[in-house]
Amino acid sequence: MNEGNPSLVRRNGIFAQLWAVRTFIDPRVTIEAGIGPYVIVDAHGESVAEGGRERLAGIISLGTSYLLAPRWHLRATWNRVLADRPFDSDVFLVGGAYLF
């Protein structure tokens, strides 16, 4: 994940999550929640104030999807990175997904 380039913290990393998914209202609509570790592989800055010492954080996600076709979903996901304060951040993703 690339958290962008804000002036306070700029981080890149990888994460894995355990997800719970449930249909909601209609079989084509799902609500989802995930939680897991986030390994930061590229933190810019040398001091804690610049976000440079953070290497492991947590991530929680809430999302929803809508089935457009048998294997295509339209998805929206909000991810909250749980790092040492004040370095928590939010990442909102919208896009499509193909189910294998």
PDB file of N, CA and C in Angstrom:
ATOM      1  N   MET A   1       0.842  -1.160   0.000  1.00  0.00           N
ATOM      2  CA  MET A   1       0.000   0.000   0.000  1.00  0.00           C
ATOM      3  C   MET A   1       0.892   1.229   0.000  1.00  0.00           C
ATOM      4  N   ASN A   2       0.523   2.205  -0.754  1.00  0.00           N
ATOM      5  CA  ASN A   2       1.201   3.490  -0.768  1.00  0.00           C
ATOM      6  C   ASN A   2       0.266   4.481  -0.100  1.00  0.00           C
ATOM      7  N   GLU A   3       0.695   5.039   1.022  1.00  0.00           N
ATOM      8  CA  GLU A   3      -0.159   5.957   1.765  1.00  0.00           C
ATOM      9  C   GLU A   3      -0.093   7.382   1.241  1.00  0.00           C
ATOM     10  N   GLY A   4       0.509   7.584   0.092  1.00  0.00           N
ATOM     11  CA  GLY A   4       0.536   8.906  -0.508  1.00  0.00           C
ATOM     12  C   GLY A   4       1.731   9.708  -0.045  1.00  0.00           C
ATOM     13  N   ASN A   5       1.640  11.016  -0.170  1.00  0.00           N
ATOM     14  CA  ASN A   5       2.751  11.884   0.154  1.00  0.00           C
ATOM     15  C   ASN A   5       2.296  13.099   0.964  1.00  0.00           C
ATOM     16  N   PRO A   6       1.632  12.882   2.099  1.00  0.00           N
ATOM     17  CA  PRO A   6       1.291  14.031   2.930  1.00  0.00           C
ATOM     18  C   PRO A   6       2.547  14.565   3.615  1.00  0.00           C
ATOM     19  N   SER A   7       2.479  15.748   4.145  1.00  0.00           N
ATOM     20  CA  SER A   7       3.658  16.366   4.753  1.00  0.00           C
ATOM     21  C   SER A   7       4.064  15.698   6.066  1.00  0.00           C
ATOM     22  N   LEU A   8       3.137  15.041   6.786  1.00  0.00           N
ATOM     23  CA  LEU A   8       3.474  14.460   8.086  1.00  0.00           C
ATOM     24  C   LEU A   8       4.115  13.076   7.959  1.00  0.00           C
ATOM     25  N   VAL A   9       3.508  12.181   7.213  1.00  0.00           N
ATOM     26  CA  VAL A   9       3.997  10.800   7.104  1.00  0.00           C
ATOM     27  C   VAL A   9       3.869  10.338   5.657  1.00  0.00           C
ATOM     28  N   ARG A  10       4.917   9.707   5.159  1.00  0.00           N
ATOM     29  CA  ARG A  10       4.872   9.084   3.832  1.00  0.00           C
ATOM     30  C   ARG A  10       5.385   7.670   4.009  1.00  0.00           C
ATOM     31  N   ARG A  11       4.509   6.680   3.802  1.00  0.00           N
ATOM     32  CA  ARG A  11       4.878   5.280   4.028  1.00  0.00           C
ATOM     33  C   ARG A  11       4.395   4.407   2.886  1.00  0.00           C
ATOM     34  N   ASN A  12       5.139   3.338   2.660  1.00  0.00           N
ATOM     35  CA  ASN A  12       4.759   2.271   1.745  1.00  0.00           C
ATOM     36  C   ASN A  12       4.948   0.964   2.490  1.00  0.00           C
ATOM     37  N   GLY A  13       4.113  -0.023   2.213  1.00  0.00           N
ATOM     38  CA  GLY A  13       4.274  -1.288   2.902  1.00  0.00           C
ATOM     39  C   GLY A  13       3.342  -2.356   2.363  1.00  0.00           C
ATOM     40  N   ILE A  14       3.375  -3.507   3.032  1.00  0.00           N
ATOM     41  CA  ILE A  14       2.512  -4.625   2.670  1.00  0.00           C
ATOM     42  C   ILE A  14       1.736  -5.047   3.909  1.00  0.00           C
ATOM     43  N   PHE A  15       0.541  -5.582   3.686  1.00  0.00           N
ATOM     44  CA  PHE A  15      -0.256  -6.044   4.814  1.00  0.00           C
ATOM     45  C   PHE A  15      -1.029  -7.291   4.433  1.00  0.00           C
ATOM     46  N   ALA A  16      -1.436  -8.027   5.447  1.00  0.00           N
ATOM     47  CA  ALA A  16      -2.283  -9.208   5.283  1.00  0.00           C
ATOM     48  C   ALA A  16      -3.414  -9.067   6.288  1.00  0.00           C
ATOM     49  N   GLN A  17      -4.588  -9.531   5.909  1.00  0.00           N
ATOM     50  CA  GLN A  17      -5.732  -9.389   6.785  1.00  0.00           C
ATOM     51  C   GLN A  17      -6.579 -10.655   6.802  1.00  0.00           C
ATOM     52  N   LEU A  18      -7.257 -10.849   7.905  1.00  0.00           N
ATOM     53  CA  LEU A  18      -8.285 -11.869   8.044  1.00  0.00           C
ATOM     54  C   LEU A  18      -9.613 -11.142   7.887  1.00  0.00           C
ATOM     55  N   TRP A  19     -10.469 -11.608   6.974  1.00  0.00           N
ATOM     56  CA  TRP A  19     -11.701 -10.913   6.633  1.00  0.00           C
ATOM     57  C   TRP A  19     -12.937 -11.713   7.033  1.00  0.00           C
ATOM     58  N   ALA A  20     -13.967 -10.987   7.429  1.00  0.00           N
ATOM     59  CA  ALA A  20     -15.305 -11.544   7.633  1.00  0.00           C
ATOM     60  C   ALA A  20     -16.215 -10.855   6.622  1.00  0.00           C
ATOM     61  N   VAL A  21     -16.996 -11.648   5.883  1.00  0.00           N
ATOM     62  CA  VAL A  21     -17.855 -11.112   4.828  1.00  0.00           C
ATOM     63  C   VAL A  21     -19.266 -11.645   5.038  1.00  0.00           C
ATOM     64  N   ARG A  22     -20.251 -10.767   4.874  1.00  0.00           N
ATOM     65  CA  ARG A  22     -21.652 -11.169   5.045  1.00  0.00           C
ATOM     66  C   ARG A  22     -22.507 -10.451   3.998  1.00  0.00           C
ATOM     67  N   THR A  23     -23.480 -11.187   3.426  1.00  0.00           N
ATOM     68  CA  THR A  23     -24.419 -10.527   2.516  1.00  0.00           C
ATOM     69  C   THR A  23     -25.318  -9.605   3.328  1.00  0.00           C
ATOM     70  N   PHE A  24     -25.808  -8.560   2.672  1.00  0.00           N
ATOM     71  CA  PHE A  24     -26.564  -7.532   3.374  1.00  0.00           C
ATOM     72  C   PHE A  24     -27.712  -7.071   2.485  1.00  0.00           C
ATOM     73  N   ILE A  25     -28.908  -7.137   2.973  1.00  0.00           N
ATOM     74  CA  ILE A  25     -30.138  -6.697   2.301  1.00  0.00           C
ATOM     75  C   ILE A  25     -30.442  -7.547   1.064  1.00  0.00           C
ATOM     76  N   ASP A  26     -29.504  -7.659   0.156  1.00  0.00           N
ATOM     77  CA  ASP A  26     -29.663  -8.338  -1.122  1.00  0.00           C
ATOM     78  C   ASP A  26     -28.458  -9.265  -1.289  1.00  0.00           C
ATOM     79  N   PRO A  27     -28.597 -10.434  -1.892  1.00  0.00           N
ATOM     80  CA  PRO A  27     -27.439 -11.331  -2.071  1.00  0.00           C
ATOM     81  C   PRO A  27     -26.297 -10.720  -2.884  1.00  0.00           C
ATOM     82  N   ARG A  28     -26.559  -9.661  -3.642  1.00  0.00           N
ATOM     83  CA  ARG A  28     -25.516  -9.020  -4.433  1.00  0.00           C
ATOM     84  C   ARG A  28     -24.692  -8.009  -3.632  1.00  0.00           C
ATOM     85  N   VAL A  29     -25.145  -7.656  -2.446  1.00  0.00           N
ATOM     86  CA  VAL A  29     -24.466  -6.639  -1.628  1.00  0.00           C
ATOM     87  C   VAL A  29     -23.805  -7.317  -0.435  1.00  0.00           C
ATOM     88  N   THR A  30     -22.539  -6.986  -0.167  1.00  0.00           N
ATOM     89  CA  THR A  30     -21.841  -7.525   0.999  1.00  0.00           C
ATOM     90  C   THR A  30     -21.306  -6.389   1.855  1.00  0.00           C
ATOM     91  N   ILE A  31     -21.175  -6.682   3.135  1.00  0.00           N
ATOM     92  CA  ILE A  31     -20.427  -5.819   4.038  1.00  0.00           C
ATOM     93  C   ILE A  31     -19.271  -6.663   4.561  1.00  0.00           C
ATOM     94  N   GLU A  32     -18.133  -6.018   4.783  1.00  0.00           N
ATOM     95  CA  GLU A  32     -16.906  -6.757   5.076  1.00  0.00           C
ATOM     96  C   GLU A  32     -16.099  -6.029   6.132  1.00  0.00           C
ATOM     97  N   ALA A  33     -15.335  -6.789   6.899  1.00  0.00           N
ATOM     98  CA  ALA A  33     -14.415  -6.217   7.881  1.00  0.00           C
ATOM     99  C   ALA A  33     -13.154  -7.069   7.901  1.00  0.00           C
ATOM    100  N   GLY A  34     -12.007  -6.397   8.030  1.00  0.00           N
ATOM    101  CA  GLY A  34     -10.738  -7.103   8.064  1.00  0.00           C
ATOM    102  C   GLY A  34      -9.794  -6.489   9.084  1.00  0.00           C
ATOM    103  N   ILE A  35      -8.866  -7.305   9.575  1.00  0.00           N
ATOM    104  CA  ILE A  35      -7.869  -6.845  10.534  1.00  0.00           C
ATOM    105  C   ILE A  35      -6.590  -7.633  10.319  1.00  0.00           C
ATOM    106  N   GLY A  36      -5.431  -6.977  10.533  1.00  0.00           N
ATOM    107  CA  GLY A  36      -4.176  -7.682  10.372  1.00  0.00           C
ATOM    108  C   GLY A  36      -2.969  -6.792  10.572  1.00  0.00           C
ATOM    109  N   PRO A  37      -1.764  -7.350  10.380  1.00  0.00           N
ATOM    110  CA  PRO A  37      -0.529  -6.586  10.532  1.00  0.00           C
ATOM    111  C   PRO A  37      -0.174  -5.846   9.243  1.00  0.00           C
ATOM    112  N   TYR A  38       0.512  -4.736   9.400  1.00  0.00           N
ATOM    113  CA  TYR A  38       0.959  -3.902   8.278  1.00  0.00           C
ATOM    114  C   TYR A  38       2.455  -3.678   8.457  1.00  0.00           C
ATOM    115  N   VAL A  39       3.263  -4.228   7.559  1.00  0.00           N
ATOM    116  CA  VAL A  39       4.718  -4.098   7.617  1.00  0.00           C
ATOM    117  C   VAL A  39       5.113  -2.948   6.713  1.00  0.00           C
ATOM    118  N   ILE A  40       5.700  -1.924   7.306  1.00  0.00           N
ATOM    119  CA  ILE A  40       6.110  -0.743   6.558  1.00  0.00           C
ATOM    120  C   ILE A  40       7.519  -0.987   6.035  1.00  0.00           C
ATOM    121  N   VAL A  41       7.666  -1.008   4.708  1.00  0.00           N
ATOM    122  CA  VAL A  41       8.963  -1.315   4.111  1.00  0.00           C
ATOM    123  C   VAL A  41       9.700  -0.075   3.639  1.00  0.00           C
ATOM    124  N   ASP A  42       9.040   1.064   3.596  1.00  0.00           N
ATOM    125  CA  ASP A  42       9.672   2.292   3.129  1.00  0.00           C
ATOM    126  C   ASP A  42       9.069   3.476   3.872  1.00  0.00           C
ATOM    127  N   ALA A  43       9.687   3.891   4.971  1.00  0.00           N
ATOM    128  CA  ALA A  43       9.226   5.049   5.737  1.00  0.00           C
ATOM    129  C   ALA A  43      10.238   6.158   5.541  1.00  0.00           C
ATOM    130  N   HIS A  44       9.788   7.297   5.081  1.00  0.00           N
ATOM    131  CA  HIS A  44      10.677   8.414   4.800  1.00  0.00           C
ATOM    132  C   HIS A  44      10.823   9.290   6.024  1.00  0.00           C
ATOM    133  N   GLY A  45      12.042   9.692   6.310  1.00  0.00           N
ATOM    134  CA  GLY A  45      12.320  10.525   7.471  1.00  0.00           C
ATOM    135  C   GLY A  45      13.112   9.741   8.494  1.00  0.00           C
ATOM    136  N   GLU A  46      13.963  10.392   9.226  1.00  0.00           N
ATOM    137  CA  GLU A  46      14.825   9.725  10.197  1.00  0.00           C
ATOM    138  C   GLU A  46      14.313   9.814  11.630  1.00  0.00           C
ATOM    139  N   SER A  47      13.524  10.812  11.955  1.00  0.00           N
ATOM    140  CA  SER A  47      13.070  10.966  13.333  1.00  0.00           C
ATOM    141  C   SER A  47      11.653  10.426  13.494  1.00  0.00           C
ATOM    142  N   VAL A  48      11.266  10.176  14.736  1.00  0.00           N
ATOM    143  CA  VAL A  48       9.912   9.711  15.021  1.00  0.00           C
ATOM    144  C   VAL A  48       8.902  10.748  14.551  1.00  0.00           C
ATOM    145  N   ALA A  49       9.220  12.026  14.696  1.00  0.00           N
ATOM    146  CA  ALA A  49       8.310  13.095  14.273  1.00  0.00           C
ATOM    147  C   ALA A  49       8.060  13.056  12.765  1.00  0.00           C
ATOM    148  N   GLU A  50       8.978  12.514  11.986  1.00  0.00           N
ATOM    149  CA  GLU A  50       8.814  12.410  10.537  1.00  0.00           C
ATOM    150  C   GLU A  50       8.266  11.045  10.117  1.00  0.00           C
ATOM    151  N   GLY A  51       7.994  10.159  11.064  1.00  0.00           N
ATOM    152  CA  GLY A  51       7.456   8.840  10.731  1.00  0.00           C
ATOM    153  C   GLY A  51       8.512   7.832  10.347  1.00  0.00           C
ATOM    154  N   GLY A  52       9.794   8.124  10.574  1.00  0.00           N
ATOM    155  CA  GLY A  52      10.864   7.275  10.083  1.00  0.00           C
ATOM    156  C   GLY A  52      11.143   6.030  10.888  1.00  0.00           C
ATOM    157  N   ARG A  53      10.674   5.912  12.109  1.00  0.00           N
ATOM    158  CA  ARG A  53      11.007   4.735  12.922  1.00  0.00           C
ATOM    159  C   ARG A  53       9.895   3.702  12.993  1.00  0.00           C
ATOM    160  N   GLU A  54       8.789   3.970  12.423  1.00  0.00           N
ATOM    161  CA  GLU A  54       7.667   3.037  12.447  1.00  0.00           C
ATOM    162  C   GLU A  54       7.939   1.901  11.466  1.00  0.00           C
ATOM    163  N   ARG A  55       7.909   0.658  11.894  1.00  0.00           N
ATOM    164  CA  ARG A  55       8.161  -0.475  11.013  1.00  0.00           C
ATOM    165  C   ARG A  55       7.046  -1.510  11.036  1.00  0.00           C
ATOM    166  N   LEU A  56       6.241  -1.561  12.085  1.00  0.00           N
ATOM    167  CA  LEU A  56       5.140  -2.509  12.164  1.00  0.00           C
ATOM    168  C   LEU A  56       3.934  -1.788  12.748  1.00  0.00           C
ATOM    169  N   ALA A  57       2.819  -1.919  12.097  1.00  0.00           N
ATOM    170  CA  ALA A  57       1.580  -1.286  12.542  1.00  0.00           C
ATOM    171  C   ALA A  57       0.450  -2.285  12.344  1.00  0.00           C
ATOM    172  N   GLY A  58      -0.713  -1.928  12.767  1.00  0.00           N
ATOM    173  CA  GLY A  58      -1.904  -2.729  12.527  1.00  0.00           C
ATOM    174  C   GLY A  58      -2.765  -2.032  11.491  1.00  0.00           C
ATOM    175  N   ILE A  59      -3.674  -2.783  10.888  1.00  0.00           N
ATOM    176  CA  ILE A  59      -4.598  -2.184   9.926  1.00  0.00           C
ATOM    177  C   ILE A  59      -5.960  -2.838  10.092  1.00  0.00           C
ATOM    178  N   ILE A  60      -6.996  -2.010  10.138  1.00  0.00           N
ATOM    179  CA  ILE A  60      -8.368  -2.503  10.143  1.00  0.00           C
ATOM    180  C   ILE A  60      -9.062  -1.927   8.917  1.00  0.00           C
ATOM    181  N   SER A  61     -10.004  -2.678   8.377  1.00  0.00           N
ATOM    182  CA  SER A  61     -10.690  -2.249   7.163  1.00  0.00           C
ATOM    183  C   SER A  61     -12.171  -2.544   7.267  1.00  0.00           C
ATOM    184  N   LEU A  62     -12.963  -1.658   6.714  1.00  0.00           N
ATOM    185  CA  LEU A  62     -14.396  -1.853   6.566  1.00  0.00           C
ATOM    186  C   LEU A  62     -14.723  -1.606   5.104  1.00  0.00           C
ATOM    187  N   GLY A  63     -15.580  -2.443   4.546  1.00  0.00           N
ATOM    188  CA  GLY A  63     -15.874  -2.276   3.135  1.00  0.00           C
ATOM    189  C   GLY A  63     -17.234  -2.801   2.755  1.00  0.00           C
ATOM    190  N   THR A  64     -17.561  -2.546   1.519  1.00  0.00           N
ATOM    191  CA  THR A  64     -18.792  -3.050   0.940  1.00  0.00           C
ATOM    192  C   THR A  64     -18.531  -3.361  -0.531  1.00  0.00           C
ATOM    193  N   SER A  65     -19.301  -4.270  -1.076  1.00  0.00           N
ATOM    194  CA  SER A  65     -19.177  -4.565  -2.505  1.00  0.00           C
ATOM    195  C   SER A  65     -20.551  -4.839  -3.078  1.00  0.00           C
ATOM    196  N   TYR A  66     -20.649  -4.637  -4.379  1.00  0.00           N
ATOM    197  CA  TYR A  66     -21.887  -4.879  -5.105  1.00  0.00           C
ATOM    198  C   TYR A  66     -21.558  -5.746  -6.316  1.00  0.00           C
ATOM    199  N   LEU A  67     -22.262  -6.844  -6.475  1.00  0.00           N
ATOM    200  CA  LEU A  67     -22.045  -7.779  -7.580  1.00  0.00           C
ATOM    201  C   LEU A  67     -22.656  -7.210  -8.861  1.00  0.00           C
ATOM    202  N   LEU A  68     -21.791  -6.836  -9.811  1.00  0.00           N
ATOM    203  CA  LEU A  68     -22.256  -6.293 -11.090  1.00  0.00           C
ATOM    204  C   LEU A  68     -22.561  -7.381 -12.107  1.00  0.00           C
ATOM    205  N   ALA A  69     -21.727  -8.408 -12.130  1.00  0.00           N
ATOM    206  CA  ALA A  69     -21.842  -9.552 -13.033  1.00  0.00           C
ATOM    207  C   ALA A  69     -21.390 -10.771 -12.234  1.00  0.00           C
ATOM    208  N   PRO A  70     -21.527 -11.990 -12.775  1.00  0.00           N
ATOM    209  CA  PRO A  70     -21.187 -13.177 -11.975  1.00  0.00           C
ATOM    210  C   PRO A  70     -19.809 -13.153 -11.306  1.00  0.00           C
ATOM    211  N   ARG A  71     -18.807 -12.515 -11.891  1.00  0.00           N
ATOM    212  CA  ARG A  71     -17.478 -12.489 -11.280  1.00  0.00           C
ATOM    213  C   ARG A  71     -16.945 -11.084 -11.023  1.00  0.00           C
ATOM    214  N   TRP A  72     -17.707 -10.058 -11.337  1.00  0.00           N
ATOM    215  CA  TRP A  72     -17.237  -8.683 -11.177  1.00  0.00           C
ATOM    216  C   TRP A  72     -17.967  -7.970 -10.048  1.00  0.00           C
ATOM    217  N   HIS A  73     -17.185  -7.346  -9.170  1.00  0.00           N
ATOM    218  CA  HIS A  73     -17.728  -6.584  -8.046  1.00  0.00           C
ATOM    219  C   HIS A  73     -17.281  -5.134  -8.129  1.00  0.00           C
ATOM    220  N   LEU A  74     -18.129  -4.234  -7.706  1.00  0.00           N
ATOM    221  CA  LEU A  74     -17.754  -2.851  -7.468  1.00  0.00           C
ATOM    222  C   LEU A  74     -17.496  -2.747  -5.970  1.00  0.00           C
ATOM    223  N   ARG A  75     -16.320  -2.231  -5.564  1.00  0.00           N
ATOM    224  CA  ARG A  75     -15.923  -2.261  -4.156  1.00  0.00           C
ATOM    225  C   ARG A  75     -15.564  -0.876  -3.638  1.00  0.00           C
ATOM    226  N   ALA A  76     -15.816  -0.675  -2.357  1.00  0.00           N
ATOM    227  CA  ALA A  76     -15.353   0.512  -1.634  1.00  0.00           C
ATOM    228  C   ALA A  76     -14.838   0.024  -0.285  1.00  0.00           C
ATOM    229  N   THR A  77     -13.624   0.431   0.072  1.00  0.00           N
ATOM    230  CA  THR A  77     -12.995  -0.023   1.320  1.00  0.00           C
ATOM    231  C   THR A  77     -12.319   1.144   2.011  1.00  0.00           C
ATOM    232  N   TRP A  78     -12.560   1.245   3.309  1.00  0.00           N
ATOM    233  CA  TRP A  78     -11.877   2.227   4.162  1.00  0.00           C
ATOM    234  C   TRP A  78     -10.881   1.457   5.018  1.00  0.00           C
ATOM    235  N   ASN A  79      -9.611   1.865   4.972  1.00  0.00           N
ATOM    236  CA  ASN A  79      -8.542   1.226   5.745  1.00  0.00           C
ATOM    237  C   ASN A  79      -8.018   2.222   6.770  1.00  0.00           C
ATOM    238  N   ARG A  80      -7.884   1.791   8.017  1.00  0.00           N
ATOM    239  CA  ARG A  80      -7.322   2.629   9.071  1.00  0.00           C
ATOM    240  C   ARG A  80      -6.015   1.993   9.529  1.00  0.00           C
ATOM    241  N   VAL A  81      -4.903   2.708   9.336  1.00  0.00           N
ATOM    242  CA  VAL A  81      -3.596   2.252   9.799  1.00  0.00           C
ATOM    243  C   VAL A  81      -3.455   2.662  11.251  1.00  0.00           C
ATOM    244  N   LEU A  82      -3.178   1.695  12.119  1.00  0.00           N
ATOM    245  CA  LEU A  82      -3.042   1.940  13.551  1.00  0.00           C
ATOM    246  C   LEU A  82      -1.561   1.947  13.908  1.00  0.00           C
ATOM    247  N   ALA A  83      -0.964   3.117  13.858  1.00  0.00           N
ATOM    248  CA  ALA A  83       0.456   3.295  14.157  1.00  0.00           C
ATOM    249  C   ALA A  83       0.570   4.091  15.456  1.00  0.00           C
ATOM    250  N   ASP A  84       1.811   4.323  15.875  1.00  0.00           N
ATOM    251  CA  ASP A  84       1.993   5.178  17.050  1.00  0.00           C
ATOM    252  C   ASP A  84       1.410   6.544  16.760  1.00  0.00           C
ATOM    253  N   ARG A  85       0.691   7.077  17.741  1.00  0.00           N
ATOM    254  CA  ARG A  85       0.109   8.408  17.565  1.00  0.00           C
ATOM    255  C   ARG A  85       1.206   9.421  17.409  1.00  0.00           C
ATOM    256  N   PRO A  86       1.124  10.395  16.589  1.00  0.00           N
ATOM    257  CA  PRO A  86      -0.007  10.852  15.775  1.00  0.00           C
ATOM    258  C   PRO A  86       0.042  10.324  14.348  1.00  0.00           C
ATOM    259  N   PHE A  87       0.571   9.127  14.132  1.00  0.00           N
ATOM    260  CA  PHE A  87       0.810   8.632  12.785  1.00  0.00           C
ATOM    261  C   PHE A  87      -0.263   7.689  12.263  1.00  0.00           C
ATOM    262  N   ASP A  88      -1.457   7.625  12.898  1.00  0.00           N
ATOM    263  CA  ASP A  88      -2.564   6.884  12.325  1.00  0.00           C
ATOM    264  C   ASP A  88      -2.937   7.543  11.005  1.00  0.00           C
ATOM    265  N   SER A  89      -3.417   6.755  10.066  1.00  0.00           N
ATOM    266  CA  SER A  89      -3.839   7.348   8.795  1.00  0.00           C
ATOM    267  C   SER A  89      -5.013   6.563   8.232  1.00  0.00           C
ATOM    268  N   ASP A  90      -5.749   7.193   7.331  1.00  0.00           N
ATOM    269  CA  ASP A  90      -6.896   6.593   6.672  1.00  0.00           C
ATOM    270  C   ASP A  90      -6.633   6.528   5.173  1.00  0.00           C
ATOM    271  N   VAL A  91      -6.986   5.391   4.571  1.00  0.00           N
ATOM    272  CA  VAL A  91      -6.860   5.217   3.130  1.00  0.00           C
ATOM    273  C   VAL A  91      -8.207   4.689   2.632  1.00  0.00           C
ATOM    274  N   PHE A  92      -8.810   5.398   1.684  1.00  0.00           N
ATOM    275  CA  PHE A  92     -10.106   5.016   1.127  1.00  0.00           C
ATOM    276  C   PHE A  92      -9.900   4.575  -0.315  1.00  0.00           C
ATOM    277  N   LEU A  93     -10.352   3.358  -0.640  1.00  0.00           N
ATOM    278  CA  LEU A  93     -10.166   2.795  -1.983  1.00  0.00           C
ATOM    279  C   LEU A  93     -11.518   2.480  -2.603  1.00  0.00           C
ATOM    280  N   VAL A  94     -11.665   2.818  -3.867  1.00  0.00           N
ATOM    281  CA  VAL A  94     -12.883   2.504  -4.630  1.00  0.00           C
ATOM    282  C   VAL A  94     -12.413   1.897  -5.944  1.00  0.00           C
ATOM    283  N   GLY A  95     -13.062   0.818  -6.357  1.00  0.00           N
ATOM    284  CA  GLY A  95     -12.664   0.203  -7.612  1.00  0.00           C
ATOM    285  C   GLY A  95     -13.428  -1.069  -7.888  1.00  0.00           C
ATOM    286  N   GLY A  96     -12.961  -1.800  -8.864  1.00  0.00           N
ATOM    287  CA  GLY A  96     -13.588  -3.059  -9.242  1.00  0.00           C
ATOM    288  C   GLY A  96     -12.753  -4.240  -8.777  1.00  0.00           C
ATOM    289  N   ALA A  97     -13.376  -5.397  -8.709  1.00  0.00           N
ATOM    290  CA  ALA A  97     -12.685  -6.620  -8.311  1.00  0.00           C
ATOM    291  C   ALA A  97     -13.206  -7.772  -9.159  1.00  0.00           C
ATOM    292  N   TYR A  98     -12.306  -8.657  -9.532  1.00  0.00           N
ATOM    293  CA  TYR A  98     -12.653  -9.855 -10.275  1.00  0.00           C
ATOM    294  C   TYR A  98     -12.439 -11.065  -9.380  1.00  0.00           C
ATOM    295  N   LEU A  99     -13.443 -11.914  -9.239  1.00  0.00           N
ATOM    296  CA  LEU A  99     -13.346 -13.110  -8.406  1.00  0.00           C
ATOM    297  C   LEU A  99     -12.857 -14.277  -9.252  1.00  0.00           C
ATOM    298  N   PHE A 100     -11.827 -14.963  -8.775  1.00  0.00           N
ATOM    299  CA  PHE A 100     -11.277 -16.116  -9.493  1.00  0.00           C
ATOM    300  C   PHE A 100     -12.071 -17.345  -9.203  1.00  0.00           C
TER     301      PHE A 100
END
